[in-house]
Protein backbone atom coordinates (compact mmCIF):
# COMPACT_ATOMS: atom_id res chain seq x y z
CA MET A 1 0.00 0.00 0.00
CA SER A 2 1.26 3.52 -0.78
CA VAL A 3 0.00 6.86 0.50
CA HIS A 4 0.77 10.12 -1.28
CA ALA A 5 0.81 13.52 0.36
CA ARG A 6 -0.88 16.15 -1.77
CA GLN A 7 1.79 18.23 -3.45
CA VAL A 8 1.34 21.94 -2.88
CA PRO A 9 3.26 24.91 -4.28
CA PRO A 10 5.97 26.37 -2.03
CA ALA A 11 4.82 29.14 0.29
CA GLY A 12 7.86 31.41 0.47
CA HIS A 13 9.02 33.95 -2.10
CA GLY A 14 11.69 32.49 -4.37
CA GLU A 15 11.20 28.92 -3.18
CA VAL A 16 11.29 26.14 -5.79
CA LEU A 17 9.61 22.75 -5.48
CA CYS A 18 11.23 19.78 -7.23
CA GLU A 19 10.01 16.23 -6.61
CA PRO A 20 12.16 14.27 -6.94
CA ARG A 21 15.10 16.57 -6.30
CA PHE A 22 16.59 18.02 -9.48
CA GLU A 23 19.80 16.06 -8.83
CA GLU A 24 17.77 12.86 -9.24
CA TRP A 25 16.18 13.79 -12.56
CA ASP A 26 18.99 12.39 -14.70
CA ALA A 27 18.85 8.98 -13.02
CA THR A 28 15.05 8.98 -13.29
CA ALA A 29 15.17 9.84 -17.00
CA ARG A 30 17.75 7.15 -17.70
CA ALA A 31 15.75 4.56 -15.75
CA ASN A 32 12.67 5.47 -17.79
CA ALA A 33 14.66 5.15 -21.04
CA ALA A 34 16.04 1.76 -19.99
CA ALA A 35 12.57 0.48 -19.13
CA ALA A 36 11.20 1.69 -22.48
CA ALA A 37 13.87 -0.32 -24.30
CA GLY A 38 12.20 -3.47 -23.00
CA TRP A 39 8.64 -2.61 -24.07
CA PRO A 40 6.75 -4.71 -26.64
CA SER A 41 7.98 -4.09 -30.19
CA ALA A 42 4.89 -2.16 -31.34
CA LEU A 43 5.19 0.35 -28.50
CA ALA A 44 8.96 0.63 -28.90
CA ALA A 45 8.63 1.27 -32.66
CA LEU A 46 6.00 3.97 -32.12
CA ARG A 47 8.20 5.58 -29.46
CA ALA A 48 11.19 5.73 -31.79
CA GLU A 49 9.09 7.26 -34.56
CA ALA A 50 7.39 9.76 -32.23
CA ARG A 51 10.69 10.94 -30.71
CA ALA A 52 12.33 11.57 -34.07
CA GLU A 53 9.21 13.32 -35.34
CA ALA A 54 8.95 15.47 -32.19
CA LEU A 55 12.53 16.67 -32.55
CA ASP A 56 12.10 17.52 -36.24
CA ARG A 57 8.77 19.27 -35.82
CA ALA A 58 9.82 21.13 -32.67
CA ALA A 59 13.01 22.37 -34.31
CA ALA A 60 11.14 23.57 -37.39
CA TYR A 61 8.42 25.30 -35.37
CA SER A 62 10.92 26.93 -33.01
CA GLU A 63 12.81 28.34 -35.98
CA SER A 64 9.56 29.58 -37.52
CA ILE A 65 8.73 31.72 -34.47
CA GLY A 66 12.24 33.14 -34.23
CA SER A 67 13.20 31.21 -31.12
CA SER A 68 16.90 30.77 -30.39
CA ALA A 69 16.36 27.03 -30.04
CA ALA A 70 18.97 24.39 -30.79
CA LYS A 71 18.05 20.84 -31.81
CA ARG A 72 20.32 18.31 -30.16
CA GLU A 73 21.22 14.77 -31.13
CA ALA A 74 18.30 12.42 -31.67
CA GLY A 75 19.87 9.70 -29.52
CA GLY A 76 20.09 11.79 -26.38
CA LEU A 77 17.70 12.22 -23.49
CA ILE A 78 14.54 14.27 -23.97
CA VAL A 79 13.00 16.16 -21.05
CA ALA A 80 9.62 17.79 -21.61
CA THR A 81 7.00 19.90 -19.95
CA GLY A 82 3.90 21.66 -21.22
CA HIS A 83 1.19 24.22 -20.67
CA GLN A 84 -1.38 26.30 -22.50
CA PRO A 85 0.04 29.40 -24.26
CA THR A 86 -1.20 31.88 -21.68
CA LEU A 87 0.42 34.57 -19.57
CA PHE A 88 1.04 31.96 -16.91
CA HIS A 89 2.62 32.55 -13.51
CA PRO A 90 6.21 31.79 -12.41
CA GLY A 91 5.10 28.49 -10.88
CA VAL A 92 4.51 27.29 -14.43
CA TRP A 93 7.41 29.21 -15.97
CA VAL A 94 9.90 27.52 -13.67
CA LYS A 95 9.19 24.17 -15.35
CA HIS A 96 10.46 25.59 -18.64
CA LEU A 97 13.56 26.99 -17.00
CA LEU A 98 14.25 23.72 -15.21
CA ILE A 99 14.14 21.71 -18.44
CA GLN A 100 16.58 24.31 -19.82
CA ARG A 101 18.89 23.66 -16.88
CA PHE A 102 18.54 19.90 -17.38
CA ALA A 103 19.37 20.19 -21.07
CA GLU A 104 22.45 22.28 -20.32
CA THR A 105 23.64 20.02 -17.52
CA TYR A 106 23.16 16.64 -19.18
CA GLY A 107 23.34 17.42 -22.89
CA ALA A 108 19.67 16.58 -23.29
CA THR A 109 16.96 18.14 -25.44
CA GLY A 110 14.28 20.18 -23.71
CA ILE A 111 10.83 20.39 -25.29
CA ASP A 112 7.96 22.60 -24.19
CA VAL A 113 4.69 21.09 -25.42
CA VAL A 114 2.44 24.07 -26.18
CA VAL A 115 -1.14 23.00 -25.55
CA ASP A 116 -2.61 25.24 -28.22
CA THR A 117 -5.53 22.85 -28.77
CA ASP A 118 -7.19 23.73 -25.45
CA ALA A 119 -10.03 26.26 -25.31
CA ALA A 120 -8.42 29.70 -25.30
CA GLY A 121 -10.99 31.71 -23.38
CA ARG A 122 -9.50 34.96 -22.10
CA VAL A 123 -5.74 35.54 -22.21
CA GLU A 124 -5.06 38.47 -19.94
CA LEU A 125 -2.64 40.36 -17.79
CA THR A 126 -3.75 40.21 -14.17
CA VAL A 127 -2.49 42.91 -11.79
CA PRO A 128 -3.40 44.22 -8.35
CA CYS A 129 -5.59 47.34 -8.46
CA LEU A 130 -5.54 49.48 -5.32
CA GLU A 131 -8.53 51.77 -5.86
CA PRO A 132 -11.34 52.09 -4.96
CA GLU A 133 -10.47 48.91 -3.04
CA VAL A 134 -7.69 46.35 -3.36
CA ARG A 135 -8.69 43.78 -5.96
CA THR A 136 -7.35 41.87 -8.96
CA CYS A 137 -7.89 43.47 -12.38
CA GLY A 138 -7.69 41.69 -15.71
CA ILE A 139 -6.54 43.33 -18.95
CA PRO A 140 -7.31 41.16 -21.98
CA LEU A 141 -4.96 40.47 -24.85
CA VAL A 142 -7.21 37.78 -26.33
CA ASP A 143 -10.91 37.20 -25.67
CA ALA A 144 -11.72 34.10 -27.69
CA PRO A 145 -15.11 32.69 -28.64
CA ALA A 146 -16.38 29.81 -26.55
CA GLN A 147 -14.78 26.48 -27.43
CA ALA A 148 -12.27 28.02 -29.84
CA ALA A 149 -8.75 26.66 -29.34
CA TYR A 150 -5.70 28.92 -29.18
CA VAL A 151 -4.59 27.72 -32.61
CA GLN A 152 -8.00 28.66 -34.04
CA VAL A 153 -7.93 32.24 -32.72
CA PRO A 154 -6.25 34.91 -34.87
CA ALA A 155 -3.30 36.69 -33.29
CA PRO A 156 -4.30 40.11 -31.92
CA GLY A 157 -3.50 42.92 -34.33
CA PRO A 158 -1.63 46.21 -33.77
CA ASP A 159 -4.61 48.07 -32.30
CA GLU A 160 -5.36 45.27 -29.83
CA ARG A 161 -1.73 45.00 -28.78
CA SER A 162 -1.47 48.77 -28.38
CA ALA A 163 -4.57 48.88 -26.20
CA PHE A 164 -3.21 45.98 -24.14
CA ARG A 165 0.09 47.78 -23.57
CA ALA A 166 -1.57 51.09 -22.67
CA ALA A 167 -4.04 49.58 -20.21
CA GLY A 168 -1.38 47.39 -18.62
CA MET A 169 1.09 50.24 -18.22
CA ALA A 170 -1.61 52.47 -16.72
CA ALA A 171 -2.55 49.80 -14.15
CA LEU A 172 1.07 49.05 -13.25
CA SER A 173 1.94 52.74 -12.89
CA ARG A 174 -0.34 52.91 -9.87
CA LEU A 175 1.69 50.28 -8.02
CA PRO A 176 4.72 51.17 -5.85
CA ALA A 177 7.09 49.01 -7.94
CA PRO A 178 8.35 50.68 -11.15
CA ALA A 179 10.20 47.53 -12.26
CA LEU A 180 6.89 45.80 -12.98
CA GLY A 181 6.06 48.33 -15.68
CA ARG A 182 9.52 48.00 -17.23
CA HIS A 183 9.23 44.23 -17.47
CA PHE A 184 5.73 44.39 -18.92
CA ASP A 185 6.75 47.02 -21.45
CA ALA A 186 9.63 44.77 -22.58
CA PHE A 187 7.20 41.90 -23.02
CA CYS A 188 4.91 44.10 -25.11
CA ASP A 189 7.94 44.91 -27.28
CA ALA A 190 8.37 41.15 -27.70
CA LEU A 191 4.72 40.80 -28.71
CA ASP A 192 5.10 43.46 -31.38
CA ALA A 193 8.37 42.03 -32.67
CA SER A 194 6.91 38.50 -32.85
CA ALA A 195 3.61 39.41 -34.51
CA PRO A 196 4.78 39.50 -38.17
CA GLY A 197 5.87 35.85 -38.12
CA VAL A 198 2.76 34.24 -36.58
CA SER A 199 -0.93 33.88 -37.38
CA ASP A 200 -2.65 32.48 -34.28
CA ALA A 201 -2.92 33.65 -30.69
CA GLY A 202 -1.10 30.66 -29.23
CA SER A 203 1.92 31.13 -31.46
CA LEU A 204 2.06 34.85 -30.71
CA VAL A 205 2.15 34.37 -26.95
CA THR A 206 4.69 31.54 -27.30
CA ALA A 207 6.95 33.50 -29.66
CA ALA A 208 6.78 36.60 -27.45
CA ARG A 209 7.62 34.61 -24.33
CA ARG A 210 10.66 33.07 -26.02
CA ARG A 211 11.82 36.48 -27.24
CA TYR A 212 11.31 37.84 -23.71
CA GLU A 213 13.37 34.95 -22.31
CA ARG A 214 16.38 35.65 -24.52
CA ALA A 215 18.11 37.53 -21.73
CA ALA A 216 18.13 34.26 -19.76
CA GLY A 217 19.70 32.35 -22.65
CA THR A 218 17.06 29.64 -23.12
CA ASP A 219 17.26 27.37 -26.15
CA TYR A 220 14.82 24.52 -25.44
CA LEU A 221 12.39 23.63 -28.22
CA GLU A 222 8.72 24.55 -28.62
CA LEU A 223 6.27 21.96 -29.95
CA PRO A 224 2.58 22.91 -30.25
CA VAL A 225 0.12 20.05 -29.90
CA SER A 226 -1.49 21.20 -33.16
CA VAL A 227 1.84 20.58 -34.93
CA GLN A 228 2.56 17.30 -33.18
CA ALA A 229 -0.96 15.97 -33.75
CA ARG A 230 -0.59 16.26 -37.52
CA GLY A 231 2.45 13.97 -37.49
CA ALA A 232 2.33 10.36 -38.64
CA ALA A 233 3.33 8.97 -35.23
CA PHE A 234 0.57 10.75 -33.33
CA ARG A 235 -2.03 9.83 -35.94
CA ARG A 236 -0.98 6.20 -35.72
CA PHE A 237 -1.32 6.37 -31.93
CA ALA A 238 -4.73 8.08 -32.09
CA ALA A 239 -5.99 5.67 -34.76
CA GLY A 240 -5.21 2.74 -32.48
CA TYR A 241 -7.36 4.25 -29.73
CA LEU A 242 -10.19 5.04 -32.15
CA ALA A 243 -10.17 1.50 -33.55
CA ASP A 244 -10.41 0.16 -29.98
CA ALA A 245 -12.71 2.88 -28.65
CA GLU A 246 -14.85 0.79 -26.31
CA ALA A 247 -11.87 -0.88 -24.62
CA VAL A 248 -10.18 2.51 -24.22
CA ARG A 249 -13.37 3.98 -22.74
CA SER A 250 -13.74 1.09 -20.30
CA ALA A 251 -10.12 1.26 -19.10
CA MET A 252 -10.18 5.06 -18.84
CA ASN A 253 -13.39 5.13 -16.81
CA ALA A 254 -12.08 2.39 -14.52
CA ALA A 255 -8.93 4.45 -13.88
CA LEU A 256 -11.01 7.55 -13.15
CA GLY A 257 -13.24 5.57 -10.79
CA ALA A 258 -10.26 4.15 -8.93
CA TYR A 259 -8.78 7.64 -8.54
CA ARG A 260 -12.05 9.02 -7.13
CA ALA A 261 -12.30 6.12 -4.69
CA ARG A 262 -8.71 6.58 -3.48
CA THR A 263 -9.00 10.33 -3.04
CA GLY A 264 -12.56 10.48 -1.73
CA THR A 265 -13.62 12.55 -4.75
CA ARG A 266 -17.41 12.55 -5.02
CA SER A 267 -17.89 14.61 -8.16
CA LEU A 268 -18.02 12.56 -11.35
CA ALA A 269 -16.61 15.57 -13.19
CA GLN A 270 -13.32 15.36 -11.25
CA PRO A 271 -10.57 15.17 -12.22
CA PHE A 272 -12.25 14.66 -15.62
CA PRO A 273 -15.66 13.34 -16.66
CA ASP A 274 -16.01 9.71 -17.69
CA LEU A 275 -16.02 8.93 -21.40
CA ALA A 276 -19.63 8.45 -22.46
CA ARG A 277 -21.52 5.99 -24.61
CA ASP A 278 -24.58 7.67 -26.10
CA GLY A 279 -26.77 7.12 -29.16
CA GLY A 280 -24.52 4.51 -30.68
CA VAL A 281 -21.42 6.73 -30.31
CA THR A 282 -18.50 5.84 -28.04
CA GLU A 283 -16.69 8.94 -26.83
CA ALA A 284 -12.93 8.94 -27.41
CA PRO A 285 -10.34 10.89 -25.35
CA PHE A 286 -9.78 13.45 -28.11
CA TRP A 287 -11.12 16.71 -29.49
CA VAL A 288 -11.77 17.30 -33.17
CA LEU A 289 -10.80 20.83 -34.11
CA VAL A 290 -13.25 21.78 -36.82
CA ASP A 291 -15.18 24.88 -37.94
CA GLY A 292 -13.36 27.16 -35.49
CA ARG A 293 -14.25 25.15 -32.41
CA ARG A 294 -13.39 22.03 -30.45
CA ALA A 295 -15.87 19.18 -30.75
CA ALA A 296 -15.90 15.98 -28.69
CA ALA A 297 -14.55 13.09 -30.73
CA GLY A 298 -16.30 9.73 -30.85
CA VAL A 299 -16.65 6.60 -32.92
CA ASP A 300 -20.10 5.37 -33.95
CA ASP A 301 -21.21 1.77 -34.44
CA HIS A 302 -20.54 2.06 -38.17
CA GLY A 303 -16.87 2.91 -37.64
CA SER A 304 -17.14 6.61 -38.41
CA LEU A 305 -15.33 9.40 -36.59
CA CYS A 306 -17.91 11.76 -35.07
CA ALA A 307 -17.65 15.38 -33.93
CA ASP A 308 -20.14 16.09 -31.14
CA GLY A 309 -22.00 12.95 -32.22
CA VAL A 310 -22.19 13.87 -35.92
CA PRO A 311 -20.35 11.50 -38.32
CA MET A 312 -17.62 13.22 -40.32
CA LEU A 313 -15.55 10.45 -41.96
CA HIS A 314 -15.37 6.67 -42.13
CA LEU A 315 -12.34 5.28 -40.35
CA GLY A 316 -12.32 1.78 -41.85
CA GLY A 317 -12.02 -1.48 -39.99
CA SER A 318 -8.48 -1.28 -38.61
CA ALA A 319 -6.04 1.08 -36.94
CA GLU A 320 -4.02 1.26 -40.17
CA GLU A 321 -7.06 2.32 -42.18
CA ALA A 322 -8.07 4.81 -39.50
CA SER A 323 -4.60 6.38 -39.52
CA ALA A 324 -4.70 6.70 -43.31
CA ALA A 325 -8.18 8.26 -43.18
CA LEU A 326 -7.06 10.87 -40.60
CA ALA A 327 -4.07 11.80 -42.76
CA ARG A 328 -6.02 11.83 -46.01
CA HIS A 329 -8.62 14.25 -44.62
CA ASP A 330 -6.03 16.20 -42.59
CA VAL A 331 -8.11 15.84 -39.43
CA LEU A 332 -6.71 17.72 -36.44
CA LEU A 333 -7.45 15.31 -33.63
CA ALA A 334 -6.22 16.77 -30.34
CA PRO A 335 -5.71 14.66 -27.21
CA LYS A 336 -7.56 15.43 -24.01
CA ALA A 337 -5.46 15.99 -20.89
CA ILE A 338 -4.82 12.41 -19.77
CA VAL A 339 -4.03 11.17 -23.27
CA LEU A 340 -1.89 14.23 -24.00
CA THR A 341 0.51 13.59 -21.15
CA LEU A 342 0.34 9.84 -21.77
CA PHE A 343 1.61 10.33 -25.32
CA GLU A 344 4.43 12.63 -24.20
CA ARG A 345 5.48 10.39 -21.32
CA LEU A 346 5.34 7.10 -23.20
CA PHE A 347 6.42 8.03 -26.69
CA VAL A 348 8.40 11.29 -26.61
CA ALA A 349 10.08 12.18 -23.32
CA ASP A 350 12.45 10.32 -21.06
CA LEU A 351 11.22 12.57 -18.27
CA PHE A 352 8.07 14.70 -18.18
CA VAL A 353 7.85 17.60 -15.71
CA HIS A 354 4.41 18.36 -14.30
CA GLY A 355 3.12 21.14 -12.10
CA THR A 356 1.42 20.22 -8.83
CA GLY A 357 -2.02 19.89 -10.46
CA GLY A 358 -0.85 17.72 -13.33
CA GLY A 359 1.14 15.61 -10.92
CA ARG A 360 -2.11 14.72 -9.15
CA TYR A 361 -4.26 13.88 -12.14
CA ASP A 362 -1.52 11.90 -13.89
CA ARG A 363 -2.01 9.17 -11.29
CA VAL A 364 -5.12 8.43 -13.35
CA THR A 365 -2.86 8.21 -16.39
CA ASP A 366 -0.65 5.73 -14.54
CA GLU A 367 -3.65 3.50 -13.80
CA PHE A 368 -4.73 3.61 -17.43
CA ILE A 369 -1.23 2.83 -18.74
CA ARG A 370 -1.01 -0.25 -16.56
CA ALA A 371 -4.50 -1.46 -17.42
CA TYR A 372 -4.56 -0.73 -21.16
CA HIS A 373 -0.94 -0.90 -22.31
CA GLY A 374 0.21 -3.51 -19.80
CA ILE A 375 3.44 -1.73 -18.85
CA GLU A 376 4.68 0.12 -15.82
CA PRO A 377 4.28 3.89 -16.42
CA PRO A 378 7.41 6.04 -16.61
CA ALA A 379 8.13 8.14 -13.55
CA TYR A 380 7.59 11.88 -13.84
CA ALA A 381 8.80 14.92 -11.95
CA VAL A 382 6.81 17.73 -10.33
CA ALA A 383 8.05 21.30 -10.14
CA SER A 384 6.67 24.66 -9.09
CA MET A 385 7.81 27.98 -7.71
CA THR A 386 6.45 30.95 -5.81
CA LEU A 387 7.33 34.55 -6.63
CA LEU A 388 5.54 37.46 -4.99
CA LEU A 389 5.29 40.98 -6.35
CA PRO A 390 7.45 43.52 -4.47
CA LEU A 391 4.50 45.48 -3.12
CA GLY A 392 5.12 45.37 0.61
CA GLY A 393 2.15 45.74 2.93
CA ARG A 394 1.32 44.15 6.25
CA LEU A 395 0.65 40.41 6.22
CA THR A 396 -2.74 39.68 7.77
CA THR A 397 -3.22 36.05 8.70
CA ASP A 398 -6.25 33.80 9.03
CA ALA A 399 -5.26 33.34 12.68
CA GLU A 400 -5.80 37.05 13.37
CA VAL A 401 -9.24 36.91 11.81
CA SER A 402 -10.14 33.73 13.70
CA ALA A 403 -9.06 35.23 17.02
CA LEU A 404 -11.32 38.25 16.53
CA GLU A 405 -14.21 36.06 15.37
CA GLU A 406 -13.84 33.98 18.52
CA ARG A 407 -13.83 37.12 20.73
CA LEU A 408 -16.93 38.44 18.99
CA ASN A 409 -18.64 35.11 19.51
CA ARG A 410 -17.82 35.23 23.23
CA CYS A 411 -19.36 38.70 23.52
CA THR A 412 -22.71 37.25 22.45
CA HIS A 413 -22.71 33.73 23.87
CA ASN A 414 -20.26 33.82 26.79
CA PRO A 415 -19.93 37.48 27.82
CA ASP A 416 -18.88 36.40 31.33
CA ARG A 417 -15.60 35.13 29.79
CA MET A 418 -14.83 38.62 28.46
CA LEU A 419 -14.80 40.48 31.79
CA GLY A 420 -11.07 40.03 32.27
CA GLU A 421 -10.42 41.90 28.99
CA ILE A 422 -12.65 44.90 29.69
CA GLU A 423 -12.02 48.21 31.44
CA PHE A 424 -15.24 49.61 32.96
CA ASP A 425 -15.80 53.31 33.52
CA SER A 426 -16.74 52.82 37.18
CA ILE A 427 -16.31 50.34 40.01
CA GLU A 428 -20.09 50.06 40.20
CA GLU A 429 -20.36 48.93 36.56
CA ARG A 430 -17.68 46.25 37.06
CA GLU A 431 -19.27 45.02 40.30
CA ALA A 432 -22.66 44.78 38.57
CA ALA A 433 -21.20 42.81 35.67
CA GLU A 434 -19.27 40.50 38.01
CA ALA A 435 -22.45 39.89 40.01
CA LEU A 436 -24.22 38.84 36.81
CA ALA A 437 -21.31 36.53 35.94
CA THR A 438 -21.46 34.97 39.41
CA ARG A 439 -25.22 34.50 39.11
CA LYS A 440 -24.81 32.83 35.68
CA LYS A 441 -22.25 30.42 37.13
CA GLU A 442 -24.63 29.52 39.98
CA LEU A 443 -27.48 28.93 37.53
CA VAL A 444 -25.34 26.72 35.29
CA GLU A 445 -24.33 24.62 38.30
CA ALA A 446 -27.94 24.42 39.47
CA ILE A 447 -29.28 23.23 36.13
CA ALA A 448 -26.89 20.28 36.23
CA VAL A 449 -28.40 18.97 39.49
CA ALA A 450 -30.79 16.03 39.20
CA GLY A 451 -34.44 17.08 39.39
CA ALA A 452 -33.71 20.73 38.66
CA ASP A 453 -36.34 22.84 36.93
CA ARG A 454 -34.42 23.05 33.64
CA LYS A 455 -37.02 25.17 31.88
CA GLU A 456 -37.06 27.90 34.53
CA LEU A 457 -33.30 27.81 35.11
CA GLY A 458 -32.65 27.89 31.37
CA ARG A 459 -34.85 30.96 31.02
CA GLU A 460 -32.98 32.70 33.86
CA ILE A 461 -29.59 31.77 32.36
CA ARG A 462 -30.62 33.34 29.02
CA GLU A 463 -31.85 36.50 30.73
CA THR A 464 -28.64 36.80 32.80
CA ASN A 465 -26.50 36.20 29.72
CA GLN A 466 -28.45 38.86 27.82
CA ALA A 467 -27.94 41.35 30.63
CA LEU A 468 -24.21 40.65 30.59
CA ALA A 469 -24.07 41.02 26.80
CA SER A 470 -25.87 44.36 27.05
CA ALA A 471 -23.38 45.52 29.66
CA ILE A 472 -20.42 44.93 27.34
CA GLU A 473 -22.16 45.99 24.11
CA PRO A 474 -19.68 48.88 23.44
CA VAL A 475 -16.84 46.34 23.51
CA ARG A 476 -18.71 44.05 21.13
CA ARG A 477 -19.14 46.93 18.68
CA GLU A 478 -15.41 47.75 18.88
CA ILE A 479 -14.46 44.13 18.19
CA ALA A 480 -16.93 43.91 15.30
CA ALA A 481 -15.44 47.04 13.71
CA GLU A 482 -11.89 45.71 14.16
CA LEU A 483 -12.93 42.38 12.65
CA GLU A 484 -14.33 44.13 9.58
CA THR A 485 -11.06 46.05 9.18
CA VAL A 486 -8.92 42.94 9.58
CA ARG A 487 -11.05 40.94 7.14
CA ALA A 488 -10.62 43.70 4.57
CA ALA A 489 -6.87 43.70 5.24
CA ARG A 490 -6.75 39.94 4.79
CA ALA A 491 -8.58 40.21 1.48
CA ALA A 492 -6.15 42.91 0.35
CA CYS A 493 -3.23 40.82 1.53
CA ALA A 494 -4.49 37.87 -0.52
CA VAL A 495 -4.48 40.08 -3.62
CA LEU A 496 -1.04 41.57 -2.94
CA THR A 497 0.57 38.21 -2.12
CA ASP A 498 -1.08 36.18 -4.89
CA ARG A 499 1.52 33.92 -6.53
CA THR A 500 -0.32 33.68 -9.86
CA TYR A 501 0.50 37.01 -11.52
CA PRO A 502 1.94 36.63 -15.05
CA PHE A 503 5.56 35.83 -15.81
CA CYS A 504 5.97 39.07 -17.78
CA LEU A 505 6.16 41.04 -14.53
CA TRP A 506 9.53 39.49 -13.63
CA ASP A 507 12.98 39.64 -15.18
CA PRO A 508 13.69 36.21 -16.75
CA ARG A 509 17.30 36.40 -15.56
CA GLU A 510 16.11 36.74 -11.97
CA VAL A 511 13.97 33.63 -12.28
CA MET A 512 16.65 31.63 -14.08
CA ASP A 513 19.11 32.49 -11.31
CA LYS A 514 16.82 30.78 -8.82
CA VAL A 515 16.88 27.44 -10.67
CA ARG A 516 20.60 27.29 -11.46
């Protein structure tokens, strides 16, 4: 039996989480590579093809966006990570910088898998706003239609980028940290410089991030899922799942069920919904990107690939025929989360680096790999980081709020326990309050005696307690006002010490220094 502690991001500014320790990553990657060499021939052949294809496609894409990336030897180790092309926080960014360090240290190839097939939604700069109250403000760069993937959304044009820069600079100018504006302005320069060479929103954000990182000397490769998914290796992999859709669905749902049972998760939507079987269509763990949106992929009883239940092309009777059909029609079939990391871990990387969230849900992936592929899943690493904006301010803790809440509660329900904390204006007032406290104590003792008139004594206790509460009402009001102030300070503190502000508010050299 094994028990796993839930991995959480580090709490302190500048702290980096690595599990296992970075010094163990090389041994872990080499152990994974050695285990893969003993896999069944079909899996081993697909892995060899997928690795070579990933290196070629990542190198070509990286060059196309102007990244200073260097393709290394195909026979070496590959370390990978991935995320959506958003303005993510340093806890995500550190994964990219750690694979850079790994590549430099061990002569490996680092690949960032850009998940540009996820729904884009709103890509925005988030910043603290101090007026009229402290809160988080969002300034959009991209506001995509529902269900449109990053790769399906046009890159924002000059007017949109200009408005983004102006609004961001205005918001940052109100903060007592001029460096934040300088970093953001440099990132906006990178957006403008990258725009001529890209067409979609995901590529623009990726290209701008890599241009922004140049000061830190990164040269790992970028590989969008939309590029990888059009390769022969991925299509062969996906076709195998489509041809065996019901068995895949059964194994996936069993893995999800086991995860929920182990973790006490009650919601059937967590960590992901089960794959469905509805109207003669078996849901597959993929999206079909079609008509500017993502549609759920499925296979009907006639062997056709369906998008949101609607047949779109016949796959044939075998995995080989399905692969040929996907290529012939240039179908962009994008993996859902579990299958995405499964493909990278099994067929591309020797070591995959997750964040804390991905590290949790990939235990489902491990279950599925064992059940469906019949092999022991490769080990993965988990990394994160916490950076806080240099805004100062007093730290208000939950403990301070709880202490005041408890005092306020005593004022109402146990006012006799507050007398030691109160200064009365006169001796007479204190003596009257102490007399009430003494009487309450006598009544409480009396009600515990066998045969006591509990109804009458209870009424008298309530009346005595109410008289005490009335006597200290000014104190109760003072505590209530202080509690309101402290709660507001805690809310402001949560905004000012949020660890999820975008990477473009920090100098990449500063962050790289923390991982080297």
